[in-house]
Amino acid sequence: MKLPLILFLVAAVVPVFFGKIRSAPFWLAMQAVALGWSSAAQHGEWSGHALAALVEVLLVRAVIAPLLLRRAIRGRGEPNLDLMPSNLFAWAIAIALLVLAFEFGAPEMSDRHALALGAVGATVAVSLLLLAANDAPPAQLVAVLFMENAIALFESLLPEPWPLPVHLALSAIYLLTVGVGAWLIGRPEASTVRATPAHAVEEGGRP
């Protein structure tokens, strides 16, 4: 089915152009839903392995990861800025990268695998652009998680699913990435820490 791939592509591309940082957890959850849907459609038959993999994707990527990211972003108390700076130069680069990504599958665009490769390439391209265009810690973490989801989508195209221990290991790595990243971006800003001595000097200099 092409519908889950289109949903994944929309959830990866739209927030880069029009999304805010605080809306990133929603888009991550939508990517995870599309990823689980695509994986289920790819393997067709329902087995204990397929069901466990689907539960892992939905629980870890659609629930836990967005919740940790949302808590870390809200904890920073920063303005809800654009995920990627809105300017024509950045948008032109993003559009060019999307076109190049889909050129790989252009000869066989009717094939599901070609569309999936285009979605993977487009997501990786916009993630790298986001890493280069926005140096805010939350945006950097969002770009990394977008790229992780693109890798998971590429793995879902394999003719045979990963063994369950591999799924669990990848899930643990993903959770570790989200947990450490959320902890890092939730720490107080260095500027706040540096402002404390200056404030103390000012208070000490008063008569």
N, C-alpha and C. Protein backbone atom coordinates (compact mmCIF):
# COMPACT_ATOMS: atom_id res chain seq x y z
N MET A 1 0.83 -1.20 0.00
CA MET A 1 0.00 0.00 0.00
C MET A 1 0.87 1.25 0.00
N LYS A 2 0.45 2.22 -0.76
CA LYS A 2 1.21 3.46 -0.86
C LYS A 2 0.78 4.50 0.18
N LEU A 3 -0.43 4.34 0.71
CA LEU A 3 -0.96 5.34 1.62
C LEU A 3 -0.09 5.54 2.86
N PRO A 4 0.40 4.49 3.54
CA PRO A 4 1.27 4.72 4.70
C PRO A 4 2.57 5.41 4.33
N LEU A 5 3.10 5.13 3.14
CA LEU A 5 4.33 5.79 2.71
C LEU A 5 4.09 7.28 2.47
N ILE A 6 2.95 7.59 1.88
CA ILE A 6 2.61 9.00 1.66
C ILE A 6 2.42 9.71 2.99
N LEU A 7 1.78 9.03 3.95
CA LEU A 7 1.60 9.61 5.28
C LEU A 7 2.95 9.86 5.95
N PHE A 8 3.87 8.90 5.84
CA PHE A 8 5.20 9.08 6.41
C PHE A 8 5.91 10.26 5.76
N LEU A 9 5.81 10.36 4.45
CA LEU A 9 6.47 11.45 3.74
C LEU A 9 5.90 12.81 4.16
N VAL A 10 4.58 12.89 4.28
CA VAL A 10 3.95 14.14 4.72
C VAL A 10 4.42 14.51 6.12
N ALA A 11 4.48 13.52 7.02
CA ALA A 11 4.90 13.78 8.40
C ALA A 11 6.37 14.15 8.51
N ALA A 12 7.16 13.82 7.49
CA ALA A 12 8.58 14.16 7.52
C ALA A 12 8.88 15.49 6.84
N VAL A 13 8.12 15.83 5.81
CA VAL A 13 8.43 17.02 5.00
C VAL A 13 7.67 18.25 5.48
N VAL A 14 6.38 18.11 5.77
CA VAL A 14 5.57 19.26 6.14
C VAL A 14 6.11 20.01 7.36
N PRO A 15 6.50 19.32 8.46
CA PRO A 15 7.00 20.09 9.61
C PRO A 15 8.28 20.86 9.35
N VAL A 16 9.10 20.40 8.40
CA VAL A 16 10.32 21.13 8.10
C VAL A 16 10.00 22.47 7.45
N PHE A 17 8.95 22.52 6.65
CA PHE A 17 8.56 23.77 5.99
C PHE A 17 7.66 24.63 6.87
N PHE A 18 6.72 24.01 7.58
CA PHE A 18 5.69 24.79 8.25
C PHE A 18 5.57 24.51 9.74
N GLY A 19 6.33 23.57 10.28
CA GLY A 19 6.14 23.16 11.66
C GLY A 19 6.88 24.02 12.66
N LYS A 20 6.37 24.00 13.89
CA LYS A 20 7.01 24.65 15.02
C LYS A 20 7.71 23.57 15.86
N ILE A 21 8.63 24.02 16.70
CA ILE A 21 9.39 23.07 17.50
C ILE A 21 8.48 22.27 18.42
N ARG A 22 7.49 22.93 19.03
CA ARG A 22 6.62 22.22 19.97
C ARG A 22 5.68 21.24 19.29
N SER A 23 5.51 21.35 17.98
CA SER A 23 4.66 20.39 17.26
C SER A 23 5.45 19.17 16.80
N ALA A 24 6.77 19.16 16.98
CA ALA A 24 7.60 18.06 16.51
C ALA A 24 7.20 16.71 17.10
N PRO A 25 6.85 16.61 18.41
CA PRO A 25 6.43 15.30 18.92
C PRO A 25 5.22 14.71 18.19
N PHE A 26 4.28 15.56 17.78
CA PHE A 26 3.13 15.08 17.03
C PHE A 26 3.56 14.46 15.70
N TRP A 27 4.48 15.13 15.00
CA TRP A 27 4.93 14.63 13.70
C TRP A 27 5.73 13.34 13.87
N LEU A 28 6.49 13.23 14.95
CA LEU A 28 7.21 11.99 15.22
C LEU A 28 6.23 10.84 15.44
N ALA A 29 5.17 11.09 16.19
CA ALA A 29 4.16 10.06 16.43
C ALA A 29 3.48 9.65 15.12
N MET A 30 3.20 10.62 14.27
CA MET A 30 2.58 10.30 12.98
C MET A 30 3.51 9.47 12.11
N GLN A 31 4.79 9.79 12.12
CA GLN A 31 5.76 8.97 11.39
C GLN A 31 5.76 7.54 11.89
N ALA A 32 5.70 7.37 13.21
CA ALA A 32 5.71 6.03 13.79
C ALA A 32 4.46 5.24 13.40
N VAL A 33 3.31 5.90 13.40
CA VAL A 33 2.08 5.23 12.98
C VAL A 33 2.19 4.78 11.52
N ALA A 34 2.70 5.68 10.67
CA ALA A 34 2.88 5.33 9.26
C ALA A 34 3.90 4.21 9.10
N LEU A 35 4.95 4.24 9.92
CA LEU A 35 5.96 3.19 9.87
C LEU A 35 5.39 1.83 10.25
N GLY A 36 4.60 1.79 11.33
CA GLY A 36 3.97 0.54 11.71
C GLY A 36 2.98 0.05 10.68
N TRP A 37 2.22 0.97 10.10
CA TRP A 37 1.25 0.61 9.07
C TRP A 37 1.96 0.04 7.84
N SER A 38 3.06 0.70 7.44
CA SER A 38 3.81 0.24 6.28
C SER A 38 4.43 -1.12 6.52
N SER A 39 4.97 -1.33 7.72
CA SER A 39 5.58 -2.62 8.03
C SER A 39 4.55 -3.73 8.02
N ALA A 40 3.37 -3.46 8.58
CA ALA A 40 2.31 -4.47 8.59
C ALA A 40 1.84 -4.80 7.18
N ALA A 41 1.74 -3.78 6.32
CA ALA A 41 1.32 -4.01 4.94
C ALA A 41 2.40 -4.73 4.14
N GLN A 42 3.65 -4.49 4.48
CA GLN A 42 4.76 -5.10 3.76
C GLN A 42 4.82 -6.61 3.98
N HIS A 43 4.69 -7.04 5.23
CA HIS A 43 4.84 -8.46 5.55
C HIS A 43 3.53 -9.24 5.47
N GLY A 44 2.42 -8.51 5.43
CA GLY A 44 1.15 -9.17 5.15
C GLY A 44 0.66 -10.07 6.26
N GLU A 45 1.17 -11.27 6.36
CA GLU A 45 0.68 -12.26 7.33
C GLU A 45 0.98 -11.82 8.75
N TRP A 46 -0.01 -12.02 9.62
CA TRP A 46 0.15 -11.67 11.03
C TRP A 46 0.73 -12.87 11.77
N SER A 47 1.85 -12.65 12.41
CA SER A 47 2.50 -13.67 13.22
C SER A 47 2.86 -13.04 14.56
N GLY A 48 3.32 -13.88 15.48
CA GLY A 48 3.73 -13.35 16.78
C GLY A 48 4.87 -12.37 16.65
N HIS A 49 5.80 -12.66 15.72
CA HIS A 49 6.93 -11.77 15.49
C HIS A 49 6.46 -10.44 14.93
N ALA A 50 5.60 -10.49 13.90
CA ALA A 50 5.12 -9.25 13.29
C ALA A 50 4.33 -8.41 14.28
N LEU A 51 3.52 -9.07 15.10
CA LEU A 51 2.72 -8.34 16.08
C LEU A 51 3.62 -7.69 17.14
N ALA A 52 4.65 -8.42 17.59
CA ALA A 52 5.57 -7.86 18.58
C ALA A 52 6.33 -6.67 18.01
N ALA A 53 6.75 -6.78 16.74
CA ALA A 53 7.46 -5.67 16.11
C ALA A 53 6.55 -4.45 15.97
N LEU A 54 5.28 -4.68 15.63
CA LEU A 54 4.34 -3.58 15.50
C LEU A 54 4.10 -2.89 16.84
N VAL A 55 3.92 -3.68 17.90
CA VAL A 55 3.73 -3.12 19.23
C VAL A 55 4.95 -2.31 19.65
N GLU A 56 6.14 -2.83 19.34
CA GLU A 56 7.38 -2.12 19.69
C GLU A 56 7.45 -0.77 18.99
N VAL A 57 7.11 -0.75 17.71
CA VAL A 57 7.16 0.51 16.95
C VAL A 57 6.17 1.52 17.52
N LEU A 58 4.95 1.08 17.76
CA LEU A 58 3.92 2.00 18.22
C LEU A 58 4.18 2.47 19.65
N LEU A 59 4.62 1.56 20.51
CA LEU A 59 4.85 1.93 21.90
C LEU A 59 6.06 2.84 22.06
N VAL A 60 7.17 2.46 21.43
CA VAL A 60 8.42 3.20 21.62
C VAL A 60 8.43 4.49 20.79
N ARG A 61 8.12 4.38 19.50
CA ARG A 61 8.28 5.52 18.60
C ARG A 61 7.06 6.44 18.56
N ALA A 62 5.86 5.89 18.82
CA ALA A 62 4.66 6.72 18.73
C ALA A 62 4.19 7.25 20.07
N VAL A 63 4.65 6.64 21.18
CA VAL A 63 4.17 7.07 22.49
C VAL A 63 5.32 7.58 23.37
N ILE A 64 6.28 6.71 23.67
CA ILE A 64 7.32 7.07 24.64
C ILE A 64 8.21 8.19 24.13
N ALA A 65 8.73 8.04 22.91
CA ALA A 65 9.65 9.05 22.37
C ALA A 65 9.00 10.44 22.26
N PRO A 66 7.78 10.57 21.68
CA PRO A 66 7.17 11.90 21.64
C PRO A 66 6.91 12.49 23.02
N LEU A 67 6.53 11.64 24.00
CA LEU A 67 6.29 12.16 25.35
C LEU A 67 7.58 12.70 25.98
N LEU A 68 8.68 11.98 25.83
CA LEU A 68 9.95 12.45 26.37
C LEU A 68 10.39 13.74 25.69
N LEU A 69 10.22 13.79 24.38
CA LEU A 69 10.61 14.99 23.65
C LEU A 69 9.74 16.19 24.04
N ARG A 70 8.43 15.98 24.16
CA ARG A 70 7.52 17.07 24.53
C ARG A 70 7.86 17.61 25.93
N ARG A 71 8.15 16.72 26.86
CA ARG A 71 8.49 17.15 28.21
C ARG A 71 9.79 17.97 28.21
N ALA A 72 10.78 17.53 27.44
CA ALA A 72 12.04 18.26 27.40
C ALA A 72 11.88 19.63 26.76
N ILE A 73 11.10 19.71 25.69
CA ILE A 73 10.90 21.00 25.00
C ILE A 73 10.15 21.97 25.90
N ARG A 74 9.11 21.50 26.57
CA ARG A 74 8.35 22.38 27.47
C ARG A 74 9.20 22.80 28.67
N GLY A 75 10.09 21.92 29.11
CA GLY A 75 10.93 22.25 30.25
C GLY A 75 11.91 23.37 29.96
N ARG A 76 12.25 23.57 28.71
CA ARG A 76 13.18 24.65 28.36
C ARG A 76 12.51 26.03 28.47
N GLY A 77 11.19 26.09 28.27
CA GLY A 77 10.48 27.35 28.39
C GLY A 77 10.84 28.37 27.33
N GLU A 78 11.23 27.91 26.15
CA GLU A 78 11.63 28.82 25.08
C GLU A 78 10.44 29.14 24.19
N PRO A 79 10.51 30.23 23.41
CA PRO A 79 9.43 30.54 22.46
C PRO A 79 9.26 29.42 21.45
N ASN A 80 8.05 29.29 20.94
CA ASN A 80 7.73 28.24 19.97
C ASN A 80 8.14 28.70 18.58
N LEU A 81 9.42 28.56 18.27
CA LEU A 81 9.96 29.03 17.01
C LEU A 81 9.77 28.00 15.90
N ASP A 82 10.05 28.43 14.66
CA ASP A 82 9.98 27.51 13.53
C ASP A 82 11.01 26.40 13.68
N LEU A 83 10.63 25.20 13.23
CA LEU A 83 11.57 24.09 13.27
C LEU A 83 12.78 24.38 12.37
N MET A 84 12.52 24.90 11.19
CA MET A 84 13.60 25.35 10.31
C MET A 84 13.35 26.82 9.98
N PRO A 85 14.39 27.67 10.02
CA PRO A 85 14.20 29.09 9.73
C PRO A 85 13.49 29.29 8.39
N SER A 86 12.48 30.13 8.40
CA SER A 86 11.68 30.37 7.19
C SER A 86 12.35 31.42 6.32
N ASN A 87 13.04 30.99 5.31
CA ASN A 87 13.58 31.90 4.31
C ASN A 87 13.63 31.18 2.97
N LEU A 88 13.60 31.95 1.89
CA LEU A 88 13.51 31.36 0.56
C LEU A 88 14.72 30.51 0.22
N PHE A 89 15.89 30.91 0.74
CA PHE A 89 17.11 30.15 0.44
C PHE A 89 17.01 28.74 1.00
N ALA A 90 16.61 28.61 2.27
CA ALA A 90 16.49 27.29 2.89
C ALA A 90 15.40 26.47 2.22
N TRP A 91 14.29 27.12 1.87
CA TRP A 91 13.22 26.40 1.20
C TRP A 91 13.65 25.90 -0.17
N ALA A 92 14.41 26.72 -0.91
CA ALA A 92 14.88 26.31 -2.24
C ALA A 92 15.81 25.10 -2.12
N ILE A 93 16.67 25.11 -1.12
CA ILE A 93 17.56 23.96 -0.92
C ILE A 93 16.75 22.71 -0.57
N ALA A 94 15.75 22.87 0.30
CA ALA A 94 14.93 21.72 0.70
C ALA A 94 14.18 21.13 -0.50
N ILE A 95 13.62 21.99 -1.33
CA ILE A 95 12.89 21.50 -2.51
C ILE A 95 13.83 20.78 -3.47
N ALA A 96 15.03 21.34 -3.65
CA ALA A 96 16.01 20.69 -4.53
C ALA A 96 16.41 19.32 -3.99
N LEU A 97 16.59 19.21 -2.67
CA LEU A 97 16.95 17.93 -2.08
C LEU A 97 15.82 16.91 -2.23
N LEU A 98 14.58 17.36 -2.10
CA LEU A 98 13.45 16.45 -2.26
C LEU A 98 13.36 15.92 -3.69
N VAL A 99 13.59 16.82 -4.65
CA VAL A 99 13.56 16.40 -6.07
C VAL A 99 14.66 15.38 -6.34
N LEU A 100 15.86 15.64 -5.82
CA LEU A 100 16.97 14.71 -6.02
C LEU A 100 16.69 13.36 -5.36
N ALA A 101 16.06 13.40 -4.18
CA ALA A 101 15.76 12.14 -3.49
C ALA A 101 14.82 11.27 -4.30
N PHE A 102 13.82 11.87 -4.92
CA PHE A 102 12.86 11.09 -5.68
C PHE A 102 13.36 10.74 -7.08
N GLU A 103 14.44 11.37 -7.52
CA GLU A 103 15.01 10.99 -8.80
C GLU A 103 15.53 9.56 -8.79
N PHE A 104 15.92 9.07 -7.60
CA PHE A 104 16.42 7.71 -7.53
C PHE A 104 15.34 6.69 -7.90
N GLY A 105 14.10 7.01 -7.59
CA GLY A 105 13.01 6.07 -7.88
C GLY A 105 12.14 6.49 -9.03
N ALA A 106 12.52 7.52 -9.75
CA ALA A 106 11.69 8.05 -10.83
C ALA A 106 11.37 7.02 -11.92
N PRO A 107 12.33 6.19 -12.38
CA PRO A 107 12.00 5.24 -13.45
C PRO A 107 10.92 4.24 -13.06
N GLU A 108 10.84 3.90 -11.75
CA GLU A 108 9.87 2.90 -11.30
C GLU A 108 8.98 3.46 -10.20
N MET A 109 8.51 4.68 -10.36
CA MET A 109 7.77 5.33 -9.29
C MET A 109 6.47 4.62 -8.97
N SER A 110 5.96 3.80 -9.90
CA SER A 110 4.74 3.06 -9.60
C SER A 110 4.99 1.92 -8.62
N ASP A 111 6.22 1.51 -8.47
CA ASP A 111 6.55 0.44 -7.57
C ASP A 111 6.61 0.94 -6.13
N ARG A 112 6.11 0.13 -5.18
CA ARG A 112 6.06 0.54 -3.78
C ARG A 112 7.46 0.77 -3.22
N HIS A 113 8.41 -0.09 -3.59
CA HIS A 113 9.76 0.05 -3.07
C HIS A 113 10.40 1.34 -3.55
N ALA A 114 10.11 1.73 -4.78
CA ALA A 114 10.67 2.98 -5.30
C ALA A 114 10.13 4.18 -4.52
N LEU A 115 8.83 4.15 -4.22
CA LEU A 115 8.24 5.24 -3.44
C LEU A 115 8.82 5.25 -2.03
N ALA A 116 9.03 4.05 -1.46
CA ALA A 116 9.61 3.98 -0.12
C ALA A 116 11.03 4.52 -0.10
N LEU A 117 11.82 4.18 -1.12
CA LEU A 117 13.19 4.71 -1.19
C LEU A 117 13.18 6.22 -1.35
N GLY A 118 12.22 6.73 -2.12
CA GLY A 118 12.10 8.18 -2.24
C GLY A 118 11.75 8.83 -0.92
N ALA A 119 10.85 8.20 -0.15
CA ALA A 119 10.48 8.74 1.17
C ALA A 119 11.67 8.70 2.13
N VAL A 120 12.44 7.60 2.08
CA VAL A 120 13.63 7.50 2.93
C VAL A 120 14.65 8.57 2.55
N GLY A 121 14.93 8.71 1.25
CA GLY A 121 15.89 9.71 0.81
C GLY A 121 15.46 11.12 1.13
N ALA A 122 14.17 11.41 0.96
CA ALA A 122 13.67 12.75 1.26
C ALA A 122 13.77 13.06 2.74
N THR A 123 13.45 12.08 3.59
CA THR A 123 13.51 12.30 5.04
C THR A 123 14.95 12.52 5.50
N VAL A 124 15.86 11.71 4.99
CA VAL A 124 17.27 11.90 5.36
C VAL A 124 17.78 13.26 4.88
N ALA A 125 17.38 13.66 3.68
CA ALA A 125 17.84 14.93 3.13
C ALA A 125 17.36 16.12 3.97
N VAL A 126 16.07 16.12 4.32
CA VAL A 126 15.55 17.25 5.10
C VAL A 126 16.09 17.21 6.53
N SER A 127 16.40 16.01 7.03
CA SER A 127 16.98 15.92 8.38
C SER A 127 18.38 16.54 8.39
N LEU A 128 19.18 16.23 7.37
CA LEU A 128 20.51 16.83 7.29
C LEU A 128 20.43 18.33 7.10
N LEU A 129 19.45 18.79 6.31
CA LEU A 129 19.28 20.23 6.14
C LEU A 129 18.88 20.89 7.45
N LEU A 130 18.01 20.23 8.20
CA LEU A 130 17.59 20.77 9.50
C LEU A 130 18.77 20.84 10.46
N LEU A 131 19.63 19.82 10.45
CA LEU A 131 20.82 19.85 11.29
C LEU A 131 21.73 21.02 10.93
N ALA A 132 21.80 21.34 9.65
CA ALA A 132 22.67 22.43 9.20
C ALA A 132 22.04 23.81 9.39
N ALA A 133 20.70 23.89 9.34
CA ALA A 133 20.03 25.19 9.33
C ALA A 133 19.63 25.68 10.71
N ASN A 134 19.44 24.79 11.67
CA ASN A 134 18.96 25.18 12.99
C ASN A 134 19.85 24.55 14.05
N ASP A 135 20.60 25.38 14.78
CA ASP A 135 21.52 24.85 15.79
C ASP A 135 20.90 24.78 17.18
N ALA A 136 19.58 25.02 17.30
CA ALA A 136 18.91 24.89 18.59
C ALA A 136 18.90 23.42 19.00
N PRO A 137 19.22 23.10 20.25
CA PRO A 137 19.27 21.69 20.68
C PRO A 137 17.99 20.91 20.40
N PRO A 138 16.78 21.44 20.65
CA PRO A 138 15.59 20.64 20.33
C PRO A 138 15.48 20.30 18.85
N ALA A 139 15.79 21.27 17.99
CA ALA A 139 15.72 21.01 16.55
C ALA A 139 16.75 19.98 16.12
N GLN A 140 17.93 20.01 16.73
CA GLN A 140 18.95 19.01 16.41
C GLN A 140 18.48 17.61 16.79
N LEU A 141 17.86 17.47 17.96
CA LEU A 141 17.36 16.16 18.38
C LEU A 141 16.23 15.69 17.48
N VAL A 142 15.36 16.59 17.09
CA VAL A 142 14.26 16.24 16.18
C VAL A 142 14.81 15.72 14.86
N ALA A 143 15.84 16.38 14.34
CA ALA A 143 16.43 15.94 13.07
C ALA A 143 17.01 14.54 13.20
N VAL A 144 17.67 14.25 14.32
CA VAL A 144 18.24 12.92 14.54
C VAL A 144 17.14 11.87 14.61
N LEU A 145 16.03 12.18 15.28
CA LEU A 145 14.93 11.22 15.40
C LEU A 145 14.22 11.02 14.07
N PHE A 146 14.12 12.08 13.27
CA PHE A 146 13.57 11.93 11.92
C PHE A 146 14.43 10.95 11.12
N MET A 147 15.75 11.10 11.24
CA MET A 147 16.65 10.23 10.50
C MET A 147 16.55 8.78 10.99
N GLU A 148 16.38 8.60 12.30
CA GLU A 148 16.20 7.26 12.84
C GLU A 148 14.95 6.60 12.27
N ASN A 149 13.88 7.36 12.14
CA ASN A 149 12.66 6.80 11.57
C ASN A 149 12.84 6.46 10.09
N ALA A 150 13.62 7.27 9.37
CA ALA A 150 13.90 6.96 7.97
C ALA A 150 14.67 5.66 7.84
N ILE A 151 15.63 5.44 8.74
CA ILE A 151 16.39 4.18 8.73
C ILE A 151 15.47 3.01 9.02
N ALA A 152 14.55 3.19 9.98
CA ALA A 152 13.59 2.12 10.30
C ALA A 152 12.69 1.82 9.11
N LEU A 153 12.29 2.85 8.36
CA LEU A 153 11.47 2.63 7.17
C LEU A 153 12.25 1.85 6.12
N PHE A 154 13.51 2.17 5.97
CA PHE A 154 14.34 1.44 5.00
C PHE A 154 14.47 -0.03 5.42
N GLU A 155 14.62 -0.29 6.71
CA GLU A 155 14.75 -1.67 7.20
C GLU A 155 13.46 -2.45 6.99
N SER A 156 12.32 -1.75 6.99
CA SER A 156 11.05 -2.45 6.80
C SER A 156 10.89 -2.99 5.38
N LEU A 157 11.75 -2.55 4.46
CA LEU A 157 11.67 -3.01 3.08
C LEU A 157 12.38 -4.35 2.87
N LEU A 158 13.09 -4.82 3.88
CA LEU A 158 13.80 -6.08 3.75
C LEU A 158 12.81 -7.23 3.51
N PRO A 159 13.19 -8.21 2.69
CA PRO A 159 12.25 -9.31 2.40
C PRO A 159 11.88 -10.13 3.64
N GLU A 160 12.80 -10.23 4.59
CA GLU A 160 12.52 -10.94 5.83
C GLU A 160 12.69 -9.98 7.01
N PRO A 161 11.78 -10.00 7.98
CA PRO A 161 11.91 -9.08 9.11
C PRO A 161 13.11 -9.43 9.98
N TRP A 162 13.60 -8.41 10.70
CA TRP A 162 14.69 -8.64 11.62
C TRP A 162 14.26 -9.64 12.69
N PRO A 163 15.20 -10.46 13.20
CA PRO A 163 14.87 -11.30 14.36
C PRO A 163 14.46 -10.44 15.55
N LEU A 164 13.63 -11.01 16.42
CA LEU A 164 13.10 -10.26 17.55
C LEU A 164 14.19 -9.66 18.44
N PRO A 165 15.29 -10.37 18.74
CA PRO A 165 16.36 -9.74 19.54
C PRO A 165 16.94 -8.50 18.88
N VAL A 166 17.02 -8.51 17.55
CA VAL A 166 17.52 -7.32 16.85
C VAL A 166 16.54 -6.17 17.00
N HIS A 167 15.25 -6.47 16.89
CA HIS A 167 14.23 -5.43 17.10
C HIS A 167 14.37 -4.82 18.50
N LEU A 168 14.56 -5.68 19.49
CA LEU A 168 14.68 -5.19 20.87
C LEU A 168 15.94 -4.35 21.04
N ALA A 169 17.03 -4.76 20.40
CA ALA A 169 18.27 -3.99 20.50
C ALA A 169 18.12 -2.62 19.83
N LEU A 170 17.50 -2.58 18.66
CA LEU A 170 17.27 -1.31 17.97
C LEU A 170 16.34 -0.41 18.78
N SER A 171 15.33 -1.02 19.40
CA SER A 171 14.42 -0.25 20.24
C SER A 171 15.14 0.35 21.43
N ALA A 172 16.05 -0.44 22.03
CA ALA A 172 16.82 0.06 23.18
C ALA A 172 17.72 1.22 22.76
N ILE A 173 18.34 1.10 21.58
CA ILE A 173 19.21 2.18 21.09
C ILE A 173 18.39 3.45 20.83
N TYR A 174 17.22 3.27 20.25
CA TYR A 174 16.36 4.42 19.98
C TYR A 174 15.93 5.11 21.28
N LEU A 175 15.52 4.30 22.25
CA LEU A 175 15.13 4.86 23.55
C LEU A 175 16.31 5.56 24.22
N LEU A 176 17.50 4.99 24.10
CA LEU A 176 18.68 5.62 24.69
C LEU A 176 18.96 6.96 24.01
N THR A 177 18.80 7.01 22.70
CA THR A 177 19.01 8.26 21.97
C THR A 177 18.02 9.32 22.43
N VAL A 178 16.74 8.93 22.53
CA VAL A 178 15.72 9.89 22.95
C VAL A 178 15.95 10.32 24.40
N GLY A 179 16.24 9.36 25.27
CA GLY A 179 16.42 9.69 26.68
C GLY A 179 17.59 10.61 26.93
N VAL A 180 18.74 10.28 26.35
CA VAL A 180 19.93 11.12 26.53
C VAL A 180 19.72 12.48 25.89
N GLY A 181 19.15 12.49 24.67
CA GLY A 181 18.90 13.77 24.00
C GLY A 181 17.93 14.65 24.77
N ALA A 182 16.85 14.06 25.29
CA ALA A 182 15.89 14.83 26.06
C ALA A 182 16.52 15.37 27.34
N TRP A 183 17.38 14.57 27.97
CA TRP A 183 18.07 15.04 29.18
C TRP A 183 19.01 16.19 28.87
N LEU A 184 19.71 16.11 27.74
CA LEU A 184 20.65 17.16 27.39
C LEU A 184 19.95 18.47 27.05
N ILE A 185 18.88 18.40 26.26
CA ILE A 185 18.21 19.64 25.88
C ILE A 185 17.39 20.19 27.03
N GLY A 186 17.09 19.37 28.03
CA GLY A 186 16.34 19.85 29.18
C GLY A 186 17.20 20.49 30.25
N ARG A 187 18.54 20.45 30.09
CA ARG A 187 19.43 21.06 31.08
C ARG A 187 19.36 22.57 30.98
N PRO A 188 19.65 23.31 32.07
CA PRO A 188 19.64 24.77 32.02
C PRO A 188 20.65 25.29 31.01
N GLU A 189 20.32 26.41 30.40
CA GLU A 189 21.21 27.01 29.42
C GLU A 189 22.47 27.54 30.08
N ALA A 190 23.58 27.47 29.34
CA ALA A 190 24.85 27.96 29.87
C ALA A 190 24.81 29.46 30.10
N SER A 191 23.99 30.16 29.29
CA SER A 191 23.90 31.61 29.47
C SER A 191 23.30 31.97 30.82
N THR A 192 22.35 31.13 31.27
CA THR A 192 21.74 31.38 32.58
C THR A 192 22.76 31.16 33.68
N VAL A 193 23.57 30.12 33.51
CA VAL A 193 24.58 29.83 34.52
C VAL A 193 25.63 30.95 34.58
N ARG A 194 26.02 31.46 33.40
CA ARG A 194 27.02 32.51 33.36
C ARG A 194 26.49 33.83 33.91
N ALA A 195 25.16 34.03 33.86
CA ALA A 195 24.60 35.30 34.31
C ALA A 195 24.60 35.40 35.83
N THR A 196 24.70 34.28 36.53
CA THR A 196 24.62 34.31 37.98
C THR A 196 25.77 35.06 38.63
N PRO A 197 27.06 34.84 38.25
CA PRO A 197 28.13 35.60 38.87
C PRO A 197 28.02 37.09 38.63
N ALA A 198 27.60 37.49 37.41
CA ALA A 198 27.47 38.91 37.12
C ALA A 198 26.41 39.54 38.02
N HIS A 199 25.34 38.80 38.24
CA HIS A 199 24.27 39.32 39.09
C HIS A 199 24.78 39.44 40.54
N ALA A 200 25.57 38.45 40.95
CA ALA A 200 26.11 38.49 42.32
C ALA A 200 27.07 39.65 42.48
N VAL A 201 27.88 39.94 41.44
CA VAL A 201 28.80 41.07 41.53
C VAL A 201 28.04 42.38 41.63
N GLU A 202 26.93 42.47 40.84
CA GLU A 202 26.14 43.69 40.86
C GLU A 202 25.54 43.90 42.23
N GLU A 203 25.03 42.79 42.83
CA GLU A 203 24.42 42.91 44.15
C GLU A 203 25.48 43.26 45.19
N GLY A 204 26.69 42.68 45.03
CA GLY A 204 27.73 42.95 46.01
C GLY A 204 28.28 44.35 45.92
N GLY A 205 28.16 45.00 44.75
CA GLY A 205 28.71 46.33 44.58
C GLY A 205 27.80 47.42 45.08
N ARG A 206 26.58 47.07 45.49
CA ARG A 206 25.65 48.10 45.97
C ARG A 206 26.07 48.54 47.37
N PRO A 207 25.88 49.79 47.71
CA PRO A 207 26.21 50.26 49.07
C PRO A 207 25.25 49.69 50.10
